Amino acid sequence: MEDGAVVARRNRHDRDGAYLAAGLASYALGIKTNDILNVGRGTIETVRARQVAMYLAHVGFGMSLARVADAFSRDRSTVAHSCHIIEDRRDDPEFDAWLETLELGIGVLSPLGGCVL
């Protein structure tokens, strides 16, 4: 069983990663970061931005779907569905290139977290 302090540190780190991913998606898509992180559904634009942010947290930070779900206050199946949607959209070369640029940005930030769990 994990130590409570370790779990709390990992959860804080995951929330910080979610905030960074949401911030990057916010900047790229012109949606407010708080709207992306809001527990409510929001507009279709907000939903799409949240899907991008959750995908970036999963792929860019290597967070499990369950950890992404906790960090974004979502169900694991919602995160899995969002990641599948983003993967399907990568068939479009323009979207794929755009998302790859965002992944590079997350990749630069990922080692700065200083927490490997």
N, C-alpha and C. Protein backbone atom coordinates (compact mmCIF):
# COMPACT_ATOMS: atom_id res chain seq x y z
N MET A 1 0.84 -1.18 0.00
CA MET A 1 0.00 0.00 0.00
C MET A 1 0.89 1.25 0.00
N GLU A 2 0.46 2.24 -0.77
CA GLU A 2 1.26 3.46 -0.89
C GLU A 2 1.08 4.37 0.32
N ASP A 3 2.14 5.05 0.64
CA ASP A 3 2.14 6.04 1.71
C ASP A 3 1.23 7.20 1.32
N GLY A 4 0.46 7.72 2.28
CA GLY A 4 -0.47 8.81 2.02
C GLY A 4 0.20 10.05 1.46
N ALA A 5 1.41 10.34 1.93
CA ALA A 5 2.14 11.52 1.44
C ALA A 5 2.55 11.33 -0.01
N VAL A 6 2.92 10.11 -0.38
CA VAL A 6 3.31 9.83 -1.77
C VAL A 6 2.11 9.99 -2.69
N VAL A 7 0.98 9.47 -2.27
CA VAL A 7 -0.24 9.58 -3.07
C VAL A 7 -0.65 11.04 -3.21
N ALA A 8 -0.59 11.79 -2.13
CA ALA A 8 -0.96 13.21 -2.18
C ALA A 8 -0.03 13.97 -3.12
N ARG A 9 1.27 13.67 -3.07
CA ARG A 9 2.25 14.33 -3.94
C ARG A 9 1.98 13.99 -5.41
N ARG A 10 1.68 12.71 -5.69
CA ARG A 10 1.39 12.30 -7.05
C ARG A 10 0.10 12.97 -7.55
N ASN A 11 -0.93 13.03 -6.70
CA ASN A 11 -2.19 13.67 -7.10
C ASN A 11 -1.98 15.15 -7.40
N ARG A 12 -1.18 15.83 -6.58
CA ARG A 12 -0.88 17.25 -6.83
C ARG A 12 -0.11 17.40 -8.13
N HIS A 13 0.86 16.52 -8.35
CA HIS A 13 1.64 16.54 -9.59
C HIS A 13 0.74 16.31 -10.80
N ASP A 14 -0.20 15.38 -10.68
CA ASP A 14 -1.14 15.10 -11.78
C ASP A 14 -2.02 16.30 -12.06
N ARG A 15 -2.51 16.95 -11.00
CA ARG A 15 -3.35 18.15 -11.20
C ARG A 15 -2.54 19.27 -11.86
N ASP A 16 -1.28 19.41 -11.46
CA ASP A 16 -0.42 20.41 -12.10
C ASP A 16 -0.21 20.08 -13.57
N GLY A 17 -0.01 18.81 -13.89
CA GLY A 17 0.14 18.39 -15.28
C GLY A 17 -1.13 18.65 -16.08
N ALA A 18 -2.28 18.38 -15.47
CA ALA A 18 -3.56 18.66 -16.13
C ALA A 18 -3.70 20.15 -16.40
N TYR A 19 -3.28 20.97 -15.44
CA TYR A 19 -3.38 22.42 -15.61
C TYR A 19 -2.46 22.89 -16.75
N LEU A 20 -1.25 22.32 -16.82
CA LEU A 20 -0.34 22.68 -17.92
C LEU A 20 -0.91 22.26 -19.27
N ALA A 21 -1.43 21.04 -19.35
CA ALA A 21 -2.01 20.56 -20.60
C ALA A 21 -3.22 21.41 -20.99
N ALA A 22 -4.04 21.74 -20.01
CA ALA A 22 -5.21 22.60 -20.28
C ALA A 22 -4.77 23.99 -20.70
N GLY A 23 -3.72 24.50 -20.08
CA GLY A 23 -3.20 25.82 -20.45
C GLY A 23 -2.69 25.86 -21.88
N LEU A 24 -2.01 24.80 -22.28
CA LEU A 24 -1.50 24.73 -23.64
C LEU A 24 -2.66 24.62 -24.64
N ALA A 25 -3.63 23.78 -24.33
CA ALA A 25 -4.81 23.66 -25.19
C ALA A 25 -5.57 24.99 -25.22
N SER A 26 -5.66 25.64 -24.09
CA SER A 26 -6.31 26.95 -23.99
C SER A 26 -5.66 27.96 -24.92
N TYR A 27 -4.34 28.04 -24.84
CA TYR A 27 -3.59 28.97 -25.67
C TYR A 27 -3.77 28.66 -27.15
N ALA A 28 -3.70 27.37 -27.50
CA ALA A 28 -3.78 26.96 -28.90
C ALA A 28 -5.17 27.13 -29.50
N LEU A 29 -6.19 27.01 -28.67
CA LEU A 29 -7.56 27.02 -29.18
C LEU A 29 -8.38 28.25 -28.78
N GLY A 30 -7.80 29.10 -27.93
CA GLY A 30 -8.52 30.31 -27.54
C GLY A 30 -9.68 30.06 -26.60
N ILE A 31 -9.58 29.01 -25.80
CA ILE A 31 -10.61 28.69 -24.81
C ILE A 31 -10.00 28.94 -23.43
N LYS A 32 -10.75 29.50 -22.51
CA LYS A 32 -10.23 29.77 -21.18
C LYS A 32 -9.83 28.47 -20.47
N THR A 33 -8.68 28.50 -19.83
CA THR A 33 -8.20 27.32 -19.10
C THR A 33 -9.21 26.87 -18.06
N ASN A 34 -9.79 27.81 -17.34
CA ASN A 34 -10.78 27.44 -16.32
C ASN A 34 -12.00 26.75 -16.92
N ASP A 35 -12.38 27.13 -18.14
CA ASP A 35 -13.50 26.46 -18.80
C ASP A 35 -13.14 25.01 -19.13
N ILE A 36 -11.90 24.80 -19.56
CA ILE A 36 -11.44 23.44 -19.87
C ILE A 36 -11.44 22.58 -18.62
N LEU A 37 -11.02 23.14 -17.50
CA LEU A 37 -10.91 22.39 -16.25
C LEU A 37 -12.23 22.33 -15.47
N ASN A 38 -13.23 23.10 -15.88
CA ASN A 38 -14.52 23.11 -15.20
C ASN A 38 -15.15 21.72 -15.22
N VAL A 39 -15.82 21.36 -14.14
CA VAL A 39 -16.44 20.03 -14.07
C VAL A 39 -17.67 19.92 -14.97
N GLY A 40 -18.26 21.05 -15.36
CA GLY A 40 -19.39 21.02 -16.28
C GLY A 40 -18.94 20.73 -17.70
N ARG A 41 -19.87 20.37 -18.55
CA ARG A 41 -19.55 20.02 -19.93
C ARG A 41 -19.09 21.23 -20.73
N GLY A 42 -19.86 22.29 -20.78
CA GLY A 42 -19.50 23.48 -21.54
C GLY A 42 -19.89 23.38 -23.00
N THR A 43 -19.41 24.32 -23.78
CA THR A 43 -19.72 24.37 -25.21
C THR A 43 -18.96 23.27 -25.95
N ILE A 44 -19.32 23.03 -27.18
CA ILE A 44 -18.62 22.02 -27.99
C ILE A 44 -17.15 22.40 -28.16
N GLU A 45 -16.87 23.69 -28.26
CA GLU A 45 -15.48 24.14 -28.37
C GLU A 45 -14.70 23.81 -27.10
N THR A 46 -15.35 23.99 -25.95
CA THR A 46 -14.72 23.67 -24.68
C THR A 46 -14.49 22.17 -24.56
N VAL A 47 -15.47 21.39 -24.97
CA VAL A 47 -15.33 19.92 -24.93
C VAL A 47 -14.15 19.48 -25.79
N ARG A 48 -14.03 20.03 -26.98
CA ARG A 48 -12.92 19.67 -27.87
C ARG A 48 -11.58 20.07 -27.28
N ALA A 49 -11.53 21.25 -26.68
CA ALA A 49 -10.29 21.70 -26.04
C ALA A 49 -9.94 20.78 -24.87
N ARG A 50 -10.94 20.37 -24.10
CA ARG A 50 -10.71 19.46 -22.97
C ARG A 50 -10.20 18.11 -23.49
N GLN A 51 -10.74 17.64 -24.60
CA GLN A 51 -10.28 16.38 -25.18
C GLN A 51 -8.80 16.47 -25.56
N VAL A 52 -8.42 17.58 -26.15
CA VAL A 52 -7.02 17.79 -26.51
C VAL A 52 -6.16 17.82 -25.24
N ALA A 53 -6.61 18.53 -24.22
CA ALA A 53 -5.85 18.64 -22.98
C ALA A 53 -5.68 17.28 -22.31
N MET A 54 -6.75 16.49 -22.26
CA MET A 54 -6.66 15.17 -21.63
C MET A 54 -5.73 14.27 -22.43
N TYR A 55 -5.80 14.36 -23.74
CA TYR A 55 -4.90 13.58 -24.60
C TYR A 55 -3.45 13.97 -24.33
N LEU A 56 -3.18 15.26 -24.25
CA LEU A 56 -1.82 15.73 -23.99
C LEU A 56 -1.32 15.27 -22.62
N ALA A 57 -2.19 15.28 -21.63
CA ALA A 57 -1.79 14.81 -20.31
C ALA A 57 -1.45 13.33 -20.34
N HIS A 58 -2.24 12.57 -21.07
CA HIS A 58 -2.02 11.13 -21.18
C HIS A 58 -0.75 10.81 -21.97
N VAL A 59 -0.64 11.37 -23.14
CA VAL A 59 0.48 11.06 -24.03
C VAL A 59 1.75 11.83 -23.64
N GLY A 60 1.60 13.11 -23.40
CA GLY A 60 2.76 13.95 -23.15
C GLY A 60 3.39 13.75 -21.78
N PHE A 61 2.55 13.53 -20.77
CA PHE A 61 3.06 13.34 -19.42
C PHE A 61 3.10 11.87 -19.02
N GLY A 62 2.58 10.99 -19.88
CA GLY A 62 2.60 9.56 -19.58
C GLY A 62 1.68 9.16 -18.44
N MET A 63 0.67 9.97 -18.19
CA MET A 63 -0.27 9.65 -17.12
C MET A 63 -1.23 8.56 -17.60
N SER A 64 -1.57 7.65 -16.70
CA SER A 64 -2.56 6.62 -17.04
C SER A 64 -3.91 7.30 -17.26
N LEU A 65 -4.82 6.60 -17.93
CA LEU A 65 -6.16 7.15 -18.15
C LEU A 65 -6.85 7.43 -16.82
N ALA A 66 -6.64 6.56 -15.84
CA ALA A 66 -7.26 6.75 -14.52
C ALA A 66 -6.72 8.01 -13.84
N ARG A 67 -5.42 8.24 -13.96
CA ARG A 67 -4.82 9.42 -13.34
C ARG A 67 -5.28 10.69 -14.05
N VAL A 68 -5.39 10.64 -15.38
CA VAL A 68 -5.92 11.80 -16.12
C VAL A 68 -7.35 12.06 -15.68
N ALA A 69 -8.14 11.01 -15.55
CA ALA A 69 -9.53 11.15 -15.12
C ALA A 69 -9.61 11.84 -13.77
N ASP A 70 -8.79 11.40 -12.82
CA ASP A 70 -8.79 12.03 -11.50
C ASP A 70 -8.38 13.50 -11.59
N ALA A 71 -7.35 13.78 -12.37
CA ALA A 71 -6.82 15.14 -12.47
C ALA A 71 -7.83 16.10 -13.11
N PHE A 72 -8.64 15.60 -14.04
CA PHE A 72 -9.63 16.43 -14.72
C PHE A 72 -11.04 16.28 -14.13
N SER A 73 -11.16 15.52 -13.04
CA SER A 73 -12.47 15.26 -12.41
C SER A 73 -13.46 14.67 -13.40
N ARG A 74 -12.99 13.66 -14.12
CA ARG A 74 -13.80 12.98 -15.11
C ARG A 74 -13.76 11.48 -14.85
N ASP A 75 -14.62 10.75 -15.50
CA ASP A 75 -14.62 9.30 -15.44
C ASP A 75 -13.54 8.76 -16.38
N ARG A 76 -12.94 7.64 -16.03
CA ARG A 76 -11.90 7.05 -16.87
C ARG A 76 -12.41 6.76 -18.28
N SER A 77 -13.66 6.30 -18.39
CA SER A 77 -14.22 5.99 -19.72
C SER A 77 -14.35 7.26 -20.57
N THR A 78 -14.60 8.40 -19.95
CA THR A 78 -14.68 9.67 -20.67
C THR A 78 -13.31 10.04 -21.23
N VAL A 79 -12.27 9.84 -20.42
CA VAL A 79 -10.91 10.12 -20.88
C VAL A 79 -10.54 9.19 -22.02
N ALA A 80 -10.86 7.91 -21.89
CA ALA A 80 -10.56 6.94 -22.95
C ALA A 80 -11.26 7.34 -24.25
N HIS A 81 -12.53 7.71 -24.14
CA HIS A 81 -13.29 8.14 -25.32
C HIS A 81 -12.66 9.38 -25.96
N SER A 82 -12.27 10.34 -25.13
CA SER A 82 -11.63 11.56 -25.63
C SER A 82 -10.33 11.25 -26.36
N CYS A 83 -9.52 10.38 -25.79
CA CYS A 83 -8.25 10.01 -26.42
C CYS A 83 -8.49 9.29 -27.75
N HIS A 84 -9.52 8.45 -27.80
CA HIS A 84 -9.84 7.78 -29.07
C HIS A 84 -10.28 8.79 -30.13
N ILE A 85 -11.06 9.77 -29.73
CA ILE A 85 -11.50 10.80 -30.68
C ILE A 85 -10.29 11.56 -31.24
N ILE A 86 -9.38 11.94 -30.36
CA ILE A 86 -8.19 12.68 -30.80
C ILE A 86 -7.34 11.80 -31.71
N GLU A 87 -7.15 10.54 -31.35
CA GLU A 87 -6.39 9.62 -32.21
C GLU A 87 -7.02 9.50 -33.59
N ASP A 88 -8.34 9.38 -33.64
CA ASP A 88 -9.04 9.31 -34.94
C ASP A 88 -8.84 10.57 -35.76
N ARG A 89 -8.82 11.72 -35.10
CA ARG A 89 -8.63 12.99 -35.81
C ARG A 89 -7.22 13.12 -36.36
N ARG A 90 -6.28 12.34 -35.84
CA ARG A 90 -4.90 12.41 -36.31
C ARG A 90 -4.75 11.87 -37.73
N ASP A 91 -5.79 11.26 -38.26
CA ASP A 91 -5.76 10.83 -39.67
C ASP A 91 -5.70 12.02 -40.61
N ASP A 92 -6.13 13.17 -40.13
CA ASP A 92 -6.04 14.42 -40.89
C ASP A 92 -4.61 14.96 -40.72
N PRO A 93 -3.83 15.04 -41.81
CA PRO A 93 -2.43 15.47 -41.69
C PRO A 93 -2.26 16.85 -41.05
N GLU A 94 -3.16 17.76 -41.33
CA GLU A 94 -3.05 19.10 -40.75
C GLU A 94 -3.26 19.08 -39.24
N PHE A 95 -4.28 18.35 -38.81
CA PHE A 95 -4.54 18.21 -37.37
C PHE A 95 -3.38 17.48 -36.70
N ASP A 96 -2.88 16.44 -37.35
CA ASP A 96 -1.77 15.67 -36.80
C ASP A 96 -0.54 16.54 -36.59
N ALA A 97 -0.22 17.38 -37.56
CA ALA A 97 0.94 18.27 -37.44
C ALA A 97 0.73 19.28 -36.31
N TRP A 98 -0.49 19.81 -36.20
CA TRP A 98 -0.82 20.76 -35.14
C TRP A 98 -0.67 20.11 -33.77
N LEU A 99 -1.22 18.90 -33.63
CA LEU A 99 -1.15 18.19 -32.35
C LEU A 99 0.28 17.79 -32.02
N GLU A 100 1.04 17.42 -33.02
CA GLU A 100 2.45 17.07 -32.79
C GLU A 100 3.21 18.27 -32.21
N THR A 101 2.89 19.46 -32.69
CA THR A 101 3.52 20.67 -32.15
C THR A 101 3.17 20.84 -30.67
N LEU A 102 1.91 20.60 -30.32
CA LEU A 102 1.51 20.68 -28.91
C LEU A 102 2.21 19.60 -28.09
N GLU A 103 2.34 18.42 -28.62
CA GLU A 103 3.05 17.34 -27.92
C GLU A 103 4.51 17.71 -27.67
N LEU A 104 5.12 18.38 -28.64
CA LEU A 104 6.51 18.83 -28.44
C LEU A 104 6.58 19.82 -27.29
N GLY A 105 5.59 20.71 -27.22
CA GLY A 105 5.54 21.68 -26.12
C GLY A 105 5.40 21.00 -24.78
N ILE A 106 4.53 20.03 -24.68
CA ILE A 106 4.36 19.26 -23.44
C ILE A 106 5.64 18.49 -23.14
N GLY A 107 6.27 17.95 -24.18
CA GLY A 107 7.51 17.20 -24.00
C GLY A 107 8.62 18.03 -23.40
N VAL A 108 8.65 19.32 -23.74
CA VAL A 108 9.64 20.23 -23.17
C VAL A 108 9.35 20.46 -21.68
N LEU A 109 8.07 20.55 -21.34
CA LEU A 109 7.68 20.84 -19.96
C LEU A 109 7.74 19.62 -19.05
N SER A 110 7.52 18.44 -19.59
CA SER A 110 7.41 17.23 -18.79
C SER A 110 8.59 16.99 -17.85
N PRO A 111 9.83 17.10 -18.30
CA PRO A 111 10.93 16.84 -17.37
C PRO A 111 11.06 17.86 -16.25
N LEU A 112 10.41 19.00 -16.39
CA LEU A 112 10.52 20.05 -15.37
C LEU A 112 9.72 19.73 -14.12
N GLY A 113 8.84 18.73 -14.20
CA GLY A 113 8.01 18.39 -13.06
C GLY A 113 8.79 17.86 -11.88
N GLY A 114 9.92 17.25 -12.14
CA GLY A 114 10.79 16.79 -11.06
C GLY A 114 10.22 15.68 -10.22
N CYS A 115 9.16 15.06 -10.68
CA CYS A 115 8.52 14.01 -9.90
C CYS A 115 8.31 12.80 -10.80
N VAL A 116 9.06 11.76 -10.56
CA VAL A 116 8.90 10.54 -11.34
C VAL A 116 8.28 9.49 -10.44
N LEU A 117 7.05 9.11 -10.77
CA LEU A 117 6.33 8.11 -9.95
C LEU A 117 5.88 6.95 -10.80
